[in-house]
Amino acid sequence: MINIRVRLLGVLKGFASKNQLSIELENATVGKLIQALVESLPTEAGKLVIDPELNDPRPNSLILLNGKEISVLKGLETEIQEGDEITLIPISHGG
């Protein structure tokens, strides 16, 4: 098991009532971490993280691993190590 620090910004910070969480996972990837995070947040916040039509967090959030956007790594399959930090930045949509 490793301990992963998750920073929440914008509206996600408001839903969680804190700007930082700690999640423990085994064989951690970004995708598994996002799933665990969504399960720990209120339902409304989870819907903000995961796009319900695509079942994917990337359309709704910019996801950084140690300051690097996960698309330049291995996306949701990027492995997470002890001491890594994930940052979620919600993307505003409108029309």
C-alpha atoms as a PDB file:
ATOM      1  CA  MET A   1       0.000   0.000   0.000  1.00  0.00           C
ATOM      2  CA  ILE A   2       1.200   3.472  -0.827  1.00  0.00           C
ATOM      3  CA  ASN A   3      -0.064   6.816   0.386  1.00  0.00           C
ATOM      4  CA  ILE A   4      -0.898   9.319  -2.363  1.00  0.00           C
ATOM      5  CA  ARG A   5      -1.532  13.006  -1.802  1.00  0.00           C
ATOM      6  CA  VAL A   6      -4.338  14.464  -3.929  1.00  0.00           C
ATOM      7  CA  ARG A   7      -4.711  18.232  -4.344  1.00  0.00           C
ATOM      8  CA  LEU A   8      -8.137  19.533  -5.332  1.00  0.00           C
ATOM      9  CA  LEU A   9      -8.611  22.934  -6.899  1.00  0.00           C
ATOM     10  CA  GLY A  10     -11.610  25.053  -7.857  1.00  0.00           C
ATOM     11  CA  VAL A  11     -15.088  23.653  -7.346  1.00  0.00           C
ATOM     12  CA  LEU A  12     -13.704  20.241  -6.317  1.00  0.00           C
ATOM     13  CA  LYS A  13     -12.066  21.863  -3.308  1.00  0.00           C
ATOM     14  CA  GLY A  14     -15.464  23.248  -2.303  1.00  0.00           C
ATOM     15  CA  PHE A  15     -17.253  19.901  -2.615  1.00  0.00           C
ATOM     16  CA  ALA A  16     -14.596  18.084  -0.599  1.00  0.00           C
ATOM     17  CA  SER A  17     -14.441  20.922   1.971  1.00  0.00           C
ATOM     18  CA  LYS A  18     -10.652  20.676   1.815  1.00  0.00           C
ATOM     19  CA  ASN A  19      -7.933  21.262  -0.723  1.00  0.00           C
ATOM     20  CA  GLN A  20      -5.983  18.084  -0.059  1.00  0.00           C
ATOM     21  CA  LEU A  21      -6.793  14.425   0.531  1.00  0.00           C
ATOM     22  CA  SER A  22      -4.706  11.357   1.201  1.00  0.00           C
ATOM     23  CA  ILE A  23      -5.622   8.045  -0.427  1.00  0.00           C
ATOM     24  CA  GLU A  24      -3.996   4.664   0.142  1.00  0.00           C
ATOM     25  CA  LEU A  25      -3.861   2.226  -2.779  1.00  0.00           C
ATOM     26  CA  GLU A  26      -2.092  -0.917  -3.827  1.00  0.00           C
ATOM     27  CA  ASN A  27      -0.703  -1.192  -7.387  1.00  0.00           C
ATOM     28  CA  ALA A  28      -1.722   2.413  -7.937  1.00  0.00           C
ATOM     29  CA  THR A  29      -2.384   3.948 -11.321  1.00  0.00           C
ATOM     30  CA  VAL A  30      -3.920   7.334 -12.036  1.00  0.00           C
ATOM     31  CA  GLY A  31      -7.144   5.613 -13.162  1.00  0.00           C
ATOM     32  CA  LYS A  32      -7.443   3.588  -9.935  1.00  0.00           C
ATOM     33  CA  LEU A  33      -6.720   6.680  -7.876  1.00  0.00           C
ATOM     34  CA  ILE A  34      -9.425   8.689  -9.649  1.00  0.00           C
ATOM     35  CA  GLN A  35     -11.920   5.859  -9.019  1.00  0.00           C
ATOM     36  CA  ALA A  36     -11.014   5.780  -5.304  1.00  0.00           C
ATOM     37  CA  LEU A  37     -11.245   9.567  -5.132  1.00  0.00           C
ATOM     38  CA  VAL A  38     -14.706   9.639  -6.717  1.00  0.00           C
ATOM     39  CA  GLU A  39     -15.920   7.014  -4.246  1.00  0.00           C
ATOM     40  CA  SER A  40     -14.697   9.169  -1.343  1.00  0.00           C
ATOM     41  CA  LEU A  41     -16.393  12.382  -2.547  1.00  0.00           C
ATOM     42  CA  PRO A  42     -20.057  13.366  -2.465  1.00  0.00           C
ATOM     43  CA  THR A  43     -21.982  12.144  -5.539  1.00  0.00           C
ATOM     44  CA  GLU A  44     -22.190  15.647  -7.057  1.00  0.00           C
ATOM     45  CA  ALA A  45     -18.416  16.027  -6.935  1.00  0.00           C
ATOM     46  CA  GLY A  46     -17.908  12.612  -8.496  1.00  0.00           C
ATOM     47  CA  LYS A  47     -20.070  13.665 -11.419  1.00  0.00           C
ATOM     48  CA  LEU A  48     -17.832  16.694 -11.878  1.00  0.00           C
ATOM     49  CA  VAL A  49     -14.734  14.513 -12.030  1.00  0.00           C
ATOM     50  CA  ILE A  50     -15.950  11.664 -14.268  1.00  0.00           C
ATOM     51  CA  ASP A  51     -17.707  12.485 -17.542  1.00  0.00           C
ATOM     52  CA  PRO A  52     -20.876  10.345 -17.290  1.00  0.00           C
ATOM     53  CA  GLU A  53     -21.193   9.752 -21.039  1.00  0.00           C
ATOM     54  CA  LEU A  54     -17.564   8.729 -21.573  1.00  0.00           C
ATOM     55  CA  ASN A  55     -16.904   7.310 -18.086  1.00  0.00           C
ATOM     56  CA  ASP A  56     -13.593   9.193 -18.236  1.00  0.00           C
ATOM     57  CA  PRO A  57     -12.236  12.014 -16.048  1.00  0.00           C
ATOM     58  CA  ARG A  58     -10.089  13.668 -18.733  1.00  0.00           C
ATOM     59  CA  PRO A  59     -12.822  15.765 -20.405  1.00  0.00           C
ATOM     60  CA  ASN A  60     -13.708  17.342 -17.036  1.00  0.00           C
ATOM     61  CA  SER A  61     -10.369  17.683 -15.248  1.00  0.00           C
ATOM     62  CA  LEU A  62      -6.787  18.481 -15.960  1.00  0.00           C
ATOM     63  CA  ILE A  63      -4.881  15.767 -14.092  1.00  0.00           C
ATOM     64  CA  LEU A  64      -1.287  16.374 -13.080  1.00  0.00           C
ATOM     65  CA  LEU A  65       1.171  13.875 -11.619  1.00  0.00           C
ATOM     66  CA  ASN A  66       3.980  15.730  -9.872  1.00  0.00           C
ATOM     67  CA  GLY A  67       3.217  18.770 -12.025  1.00  0.00           C
ATOM     68  CA  LYS A  68       3.094  16.917 -15.380  1.00  0.00           C
ATOM     69  CA  GLU A  69      -0.160  16.500 -17.283  1.00  0.00           C
ATOM     70  CA  ILE A  70      -0.901  12.768 -17.538  1.00  0.00           C
ATOM     71  CA  SER A  71      -1.381  12.879 -21.332  1.00  0.00           C
ATOM     72  CA  VAL A  72       2.409  13.303 -21.688  1.00  0.00           C
ATOM     73  CA  LEU A  73       2.871  10.206 -19.516  1.00  0.00           C
ATOM     74  CA  LYS A  74       0.768   7.031 -19.881  1.00  0.00           C
ATOM     75  CA  GLY A  75      -2.621   8.645 -19.299  1.00  0.00           C
ATOM     76  CA  LEU A  76      -4.839   6.846 -16.805  1.00  0.00           C
ATOM     77  CA  GLU A  77      -2.447   3.866 -16.851  1.00  0.00           C
ATOM     78  CA  THR A  78       0.390   5.986 -15.410  1.00  0.00           C
ATOM     79  CA  GLU A  79       1.774   4.246 -12.332  1.00  0.00           C
ATOM     80  CA  ILE A  80       1.940   6.182  -9.077  1.00  0.00           C
ATOM     81  CA  GLN A  81       4.758   5.775  -6.569  1.00  0.00           C
ATOM     82  CA  GLU A  82       4.973   6.532  -2.853  1.00  0.00           C
ATOM     83  CA  GLY A  83       5.319  10.284  -2.332  1.00  0.00           C
ATOM     84  CA  ASP A  84       3.758  11.264  -5.675  1.00  0.00           C
ATOM     85  CA  GLU A  85       1.206  14.059  -5.793  1.00  0.00           C
ATOM     86  CA  ILE A  86      -1.859  14.161  -8.024  1.00  0.00           C
ATOM     87  CA  THR A  87      -3.526  17.509  -8.730  1.00  0.00           C
ATOM     88  CA  LEU A  88      -7.028  17.771 -10.191  1.00  0.00           C
ATOM     89  CA  ILE A  89      -7.997  21.025 -11.852  1.00  0.00           C
ATOM     90  CA  PRO A  90     -11.632  21.130 -12.994  1.00  0.00           C
ATOM     91  CA  ILE A  91     -12.260  22.352 -16.517  1.00  0.00           C
ATOM     92  CA  SER A  92     -15.202  24.712 -16.928  1.00  0.00           C
ATOM     93  CA  HIS A  93     -17.573  24.002 -19.779  1.00  0.00           C
ATOM     94  CA  GLY A  94     -20.230  26.328 -21.003  1.00  0.00           C
ATOM     95  CA  GLY A  95     -22.106  27.411 -23.980  1.00  0.00           C
END
